[in-house]
Amino acid sequence: MVVAPGGGGNRNAKNMPIDGDGRDWSHGKCGCMSDCSTCLLATFVPCVIFGQNKHRYQHLHTKGVPHPDHGGCCSGACFGHGITSICGLSFLFQMSTRGHIRHRYNIKGGGCGDCCTSLWCQPCALVQESRELELEENSFSQRY
């Protein structure tokens, strides 16, 4: 297991190959149906999954351990995402969080890709981000 220095769990739980640019996502964007409940929530109430992902990421980043409530249910991030989705701008919040998650896990890509994915593939991107966080969170239960 590869445990990140300074806390945190295994940030490459599926042992994805890493090259000079980083690694690929552990799950593809089109693999969102493998987690049906998250996929349905991300499709019909994306603000909830966005809020959970953001809080799960922040908790892992600041505390080095998984969020005890799996990100909670509703939060300021959830409400902000919901309100901006009315104007069609929620992808901006999601793009930022996606970039932070990519950086944490040394995943290939950049801001332009994060923007396009968050804009045109929002539910699939939210599920992909959630599953990446879940791999690290699950690695904590595998410790001795």
C-alpha atoms as a PDB file:
ATOM      1  CA  MET A   1       0.000   0.000   0.000  1.00  0.00           C
ATOM      2  CA  VAL A   2       1.233   3.484  -0.845  1.00  0.00           C
ATOM      3  CA  VAL A   3       0.375   5.819   2.004  1.00  0.00           C
ATOM      4  CA  ALA A   4       0.957   9.476   1.379  1.00  0.00           C
ATOM      5  CA  PRO A   5       3.362  11.292   3.681  1.00  0.00           C
ATOM      6  CA  GLY A   6       1.673  13.494   6.253  1.00  0.00           C
ATOM      7  CA  GLY A   7      -1.460  11.393   6.545  1.00  0.00           C
ATOM      8  CA  GLY A   8      -4.042  10.071   4.201  1.00  0.00           C
ATOM      9  CA  GLY A   9      -4.613   6.657   2.778  1.00  0.00           C
ATOM     10  CA  ASN A  10      -3.607   4.914  -0.396  1.00  0.00           C
ATOM     11  CA  ARG A  11      -3.897   7.474  -3.173  1.00  0.00           C
ATOM     12  CA  ASN A  12      -3.467   4.889  -5.904  1.00  0.00           C
ATOM     13  CA  ALA A  13      -5.434   1.960  -4.499  1.00  0.00           C
ATOM     14  CA  LYS A  14      -5.826   0.250  -7.884  1.00  0.00           C
ATOM     15  CA  ASN A  15      -2.072   0.628  -8.574  1.00  0.00           C
ATOM     16  CA  MET A  16      -2.647   2.500 -11.809  1.00  0.00           C
ATOM     17  CA  PRO A  17       0.588   2.976 -13.805  1.00  0.00           C
ATOM     18  CA  ILE A  18       2.197   6.374 -13.304  1.00  0.00           C
ATOM     19  CA  ASP A  19       4.308   8.145 -15.892  1.00  0.00           C
ATOM     20  CA  GLY A  20       5.824  11.625 -16.036  1.00  0.00           C
ATOM     21  CA  ASP A  21       2.398  13.248 -16.436  1.00  0.00           C
ATOM     22  CA  GLY A  22       0.749  11.290 -13.635  1.00  0.00           C
ATOM     23  CA  ARG A  23      -1.796   8.515 -13.921  1.00  0.00           C
ATOM     24  CA  ASP A  24      -5.258   7.928 -15.310  1.00  0.00           C
ATOM     25  CA  TRP A  25      -8.444   8.019 -13.248  1.00  0.00           C
ATOM     26  CA  SER A  26      -9.118   4.737 -11.457  1.00  0.00           C
ATOM     27  CA  HIS A  27     -12.556   4.565 -13.091  1.00  0.00           C
ATOM     28  CA  GLY A  28     -13.544   5.909 -16.497  1.00  0.00           C
ATOM     29  CA  LYS A  29     -16.198   8.583 -16.968  1.00  0.00           C
ATOM     30  CA  CYS A  30     -18.479   6.097 -18.695  1.00  0.00           C
ATOM     31  CA  GLY A  31     -18.231   3.696 -15.756  1.00  0.00           C
ATOM     32  CA  CYS A  32     -20.679   5.732 -13.714  1.00  0.00           C
ATOM     33  CA  MET A  33     -23.387   3.041 -13.867  1.00  0.00           C
ATOM     34  CA  SER A  34     -21.183   0.755 -11.759  1.00  0.00           C
ATOM     35  CA  ASP A  35     -22.310   2.853  -8.801  1.00  0.00           C
ATOM     36  CA  CYS A  36     -26.033   3.222  -9.579  1.00  0.00           C
ATOM     37  CA  SER A  37     -27.117   5.090  -6.442  1.00  0.00           C
ATOM     38  CA  THR A  38     -24.436   7.760  -6.817  1.00  0.00           C
ATOM     39  CA  CYS A  39     -25.134   7.950 -10.554  1.00  0.00           C
ATOM     40  CA  LEU A  40     -28.847   8.543  -9.972  1.00  0.00           C
ATOM     41  CA  LEU A  41     -28.170  11.227  -7.369  1.00  0.00           C
ATOM     42  CA  ALA A  42     -25.568  12.886  -9.607  1.00  0.00           C
ATOM     43  CA  THR A  43     -28.069  12.930 -12.465  1.00  0.00           C
ATOM     44  CA  PHE A  44     -31.113  14.244 -10.621  1.00  0.00           C
ATOM     45  CA  VAL A  45     -29.644  16.199  -7.654  1.00  0.00           C
ATOM     46  CA  PRO A  46     -25.983  16.831  -8.563  1.00  0.00           C
ATOM     47  CA  CYS A  47     -25.644  19.438  -5.829  1.00  0.00           C
ATOM     48  CA  VAL A  48     -25.815  16.686  -3.169  1.00  0.00           C
ATOM     49  CA  ILE A  49     -22.990  14.627  -4.700  1.00  0.00           C
ATOM     50  CA  PHE A  50     -20.953  17.771  -5.340  1.00  0.00           C
ATOM     51  CA  GLY A  51     -21.312  18.832  -1.682  1.00  0.00           C
ATOM     52  CA  GLN A  52     -20.367  15.370  -0.452  1.00  0.00           C
ATOM     53  CA  ASN A  53     -17.340  15.156  -2.753  1.00  0.00           C
ATOM     54  CA  LYS A  54     -16.138  18.598  -1.710  1.00  0.00           C
ATOM     55  CA  HIS A  55     -16.425  17.843   2.010  1.00  0.00           C
ATOM     56  CA  ARG A  56     -14.884  14.383   1.650  1.00  0.00           C
ATOM     57  CA  TYR A  57     -11.932  15.885  -0.232  1.00  0.00           C
ATOM     58  CA  GLN A  58     -11.485  18.728   2.277  1.00  0.00           C
ATOM     59  CA  HIS A  59     -11.617  16.334   5.219  1.00  0.00           C
ATOM     60  CA  LEU A  60      -9.037  14.002   3.670  1.00  0.00           C
ATOM     61  CA  HIS A  61      -6.852  16.967   2.744  1.00  0.00           C
ATOM     62  CA  THR A  62      -6.946  18.733   6.116  1.00  0.00           C
ATOM     63  CA  LYS A  63      -7.377  15.876   8.589  1.00  0.00           C
ATOM     64  CA  GLY A  64      -5.811  12.961   6.695  1.00  0.00           C
ATOM     65  CA  VAL A  65      -8.753  10.655   7.478  1.00  0.00           C
ATOM     66  CA  PRO A  66     -12.135   9.988   5.834  1.00  0.00           C
ATOM     67  CA  HIS A  67     -15.123  12.188   6.658  1.00  0.00           C
ATOM     68  CA  PRO A  68     -17.127  10.400   9.382  1.00  0.00           C
ATOM     69  CA  ASP A  69     -20.478  11.067   7.662  1.00  0.00           C
ATOM     70  CA  HIS A  70     -19.280  10.393   4.098  1.00  0.00           C
ATOM     71  CA  GLY A  71     -19.492  14.123   3.354  1.00  0.00           C
ATOM     72  CA  GLY A  72     -22.848  14.742   4.989  1.00  0.00           C
ATOM     73  CA  CYS A  73     -26.084  15.448   3.157  1.00  0.00           C
ATOM     74  CA  CYS A  74     -26.616  19.161   2.654  1.00  0.00           C
ATOM     75  CA  SER A  75     -24.098  21.931   3.107  1.00  0.00           C
ATOM     76  CA  GLY A  76     -23.176  25.380   1.878  1.00  0.00           C
ATOM     77  CA  ALA A  77     -21.337  23.789  -1.042  1.00  0.00           C
ATOM     78  CA  CYS A  78     -24.482  21.850  -1.929  1.00  0.00           C
ATOM     79  CA  PHE A  79     -26.664  24.965  -1.777  1.00  0.00           C
ATOM     80  CA  GLY A  80     -24.141  27.051  -3.739  1.00  0.00           C
ATOM     81  CA  HIS A  81     -23.975  24.406  -6.457  1.00  0.00           C
ATOM     82  CA  GLY A  82     -27.763  24.173  -6.559  1.00  0.00           C
ATOM     83  CA  ILE A  83     -28.262  27.917  -6.840  1.00  0.00           C
ATOM     84  CA  THR A  84     -25.627  28.361  -9.548  1.00  0.00           C
ATOM     85  CA  SER A  85     -27.076  25.442 -11.511  1.00  0.00           C
ATOM     86  CA  ILE A  86     -30.176  27.590 -12.076  1.00  0.00           C
ATOM     87  CA  CYS A  87     -27.951  29.953 -14.083  1.00  0.00           C
ATOM     88  CA  GLY A  88     -26.035  27.091 -15.703  1.00  0.00           C
ATOM     89  CA  LEU A  89     -22.797  27.988 -13.897  1.00  0.00           C
ATOM     90  CA  SER A  90     -22.469  25.130 -11.404  1.00  0.00           C
ATOM     91  CA  PHE A  91     -19.771  23.569 -13.573  1.00  0.00           C
ATOM     92  CA  LEU A  92     -17.393  26.323 -12.357  1.00  0.00           C
ATOM     93  CA  PHE A  93     -17.548  25.022  -8.777  1.00  0.00           C
ATOM     94  CA  GLN A  94     -17.264  21.458  -9.947  1.00  0.00           C
ATOM     95  CA  MET A  95     -14.318  22.276 -12.216  1.00  0.00           C
ATOM     96  CA  SER A  96     -12.356  23.630  -9.267  1.00  0.00           C
ATOM     97  CA  THR A  97     -13.036  20.638  -7.028  1.00  0.00           C
ATOM     98  CA  ARG A  98     -12.210  18.252  -9.878  1.00  0.00           C
ATOM     99  CA  GLY A  99      -8.851  19.976 -10.275  1.00  0.00           C
ATOM    100  CA  HIS A 100      -8.109  19.595  -6.563  1.00  0.00           C
ATOM    101  CA  ILE A 101      -9.005  15.902  -6.676  1.00  0.00           C
ATOM    102  CA  ARG A 102      -6.846  15.394  -9.778  1.00  0.00           C
ATOM    103  CA  HIS A 103      -3.926  17.074  -8.044  1.00  0.00           C
ATOM    104  CA  ARG A 104      -4.342  15.008  -4.845  1.00  0.00           C
ATOM    105  CA  TYR A 105      -4.206  11.747  -6.778  1.00  0.00           C
ATOM    106  CA  ASN A 106      -1.630  12.824  -9.389  1.00  0.00           C
ATOM    107  CA  ILE A 107      -4.116  12.272 -12.211  1.00  0.00           C
ATOM    108  CA  LYS A 108      -3.343  13.442 -15.731  1.00  0.00           C
ATOM    109  CA  GLY A 109      -5.233  16.380 -17.158  1.00  0.00           C
ATOM    110  CA  GLY A 110      -5.629  20.115 -16.849  1.00  0.00           C
ATOM    111  CA  GLY A 111      -8.047  22.954 -16.353  1.00  0.00           C
ATOM    112  CA  CYS A 112      -9.469  22.833 -19.877  1.00  0.00           C
ATOM    113  CA  GLY A 113     -10.341  19.138 -19.538  1.00  0.00           C
ATOM    114  CA  ASP A 114     -11.799  19.734 -16.077  1.00  0.00           C
ATOM    115  CA  CYS A 115     -13.957  22.529 -17.491  1.00  0.00           C
ATOM    116  CA  CYS A 116     -15.228  20.499 -20.455  1.00  0.00           C
ATOM    117  CA  THR A 117     -15.904  17.395 -18.358  1.00  0.00           C
ATOM    118  CA  SER A 118     -17.691  19.364 -15.647  1.00  0.00           C
ATOM    119  CA  LEU A 119     -19.758  21.252 -18.209  1.00  0.00           C
ATOM    120  CA  TRP A 120     -20.807  18.475 -20.584  1.00  0.00           C
ATOM    121  CA  CYS A 121     -20.475  15.291 -18.500  1.00  0.00           C
ATOM    122  CA  GLN A 122     -21.456  16.565 -15.058  1.00  0.00           C
ATOM    123  CA  PRO A 123     -23.119  13.445 -13.590  1.00  0.00           C
ATOM    124  CA  CYS A 124     -20.417  11.090 -14.868  1.00  0.00           C
ATOM    125  CA  ALA A 125     -17.660  13.414 -13.632  1.00  0.00           C
ATOM    126  CA  LEU A 126     -19.243  13.624 -10.163  1.00  0.00           C
ATOM    127  CA  VAL A 127     -19.430   9.829  -9.926  1.00  0.00           C
ATOM    128  CA  GLN A 128     -15.838   9.479 -11.149  1.00  0.00           C
ATOM    129  CA  GLU A 129     -14.630  11.932  -8.492  1.00  0.00           C
ATOM    130  CA  SER A 130     -16.682  10.224  -5.786  1.00  0.00           C
ATOM    131  CA  ARG A 131     -15.263   6.812  -6.659  1.00  0.00           C
ATOM    132  CA  GLU A 132     -11.688   8.143  -6.608  1.00  0.00           C
ATOM    133  CA  LEU A 133     -12.240   9.538  -3.106  1.00  0.00           C
ATOM    134  CA  GLU A 134     -13.896   6.282  -2.048  1.00  0.00           C
ATOM    135  CA  LEU A 135     -10.817   4.242  -2.987  1.00  0.00           C
ATOM    136  CA  GLU A 136      -8.643   6.266  -0.613  1.00  0.00           C
ATOM    137  CA  GLU A 137     -11.294   6.183   2.123  1.00  0.00           C
ATOM    138  CA  ASN A 138     -11.619   2.396   1.813  1.00  0.00           C
ATOM    139  CA  SER A 139      -7.857   1.987   2.128  1.00  0.00           C
ATOM    140  CA  PHE A 140      -8.118   3.096   5.767  1.00  0.00           C
ATOM    141  CA  SER A 141     -10.127   0.001   6.673  1.00  0.00           C
ATOM    142  CA  GLN A 142      -7.420  -2.215   5.160  1.00  0.00           C
ATOM    143  CA  ARG A 143      -4.764  -1.072   7.636  1.00  0.00           C
ATOM    144  CA  TYR A 144      -3.621  -3.320  10.441  1.00  0.00           C
END
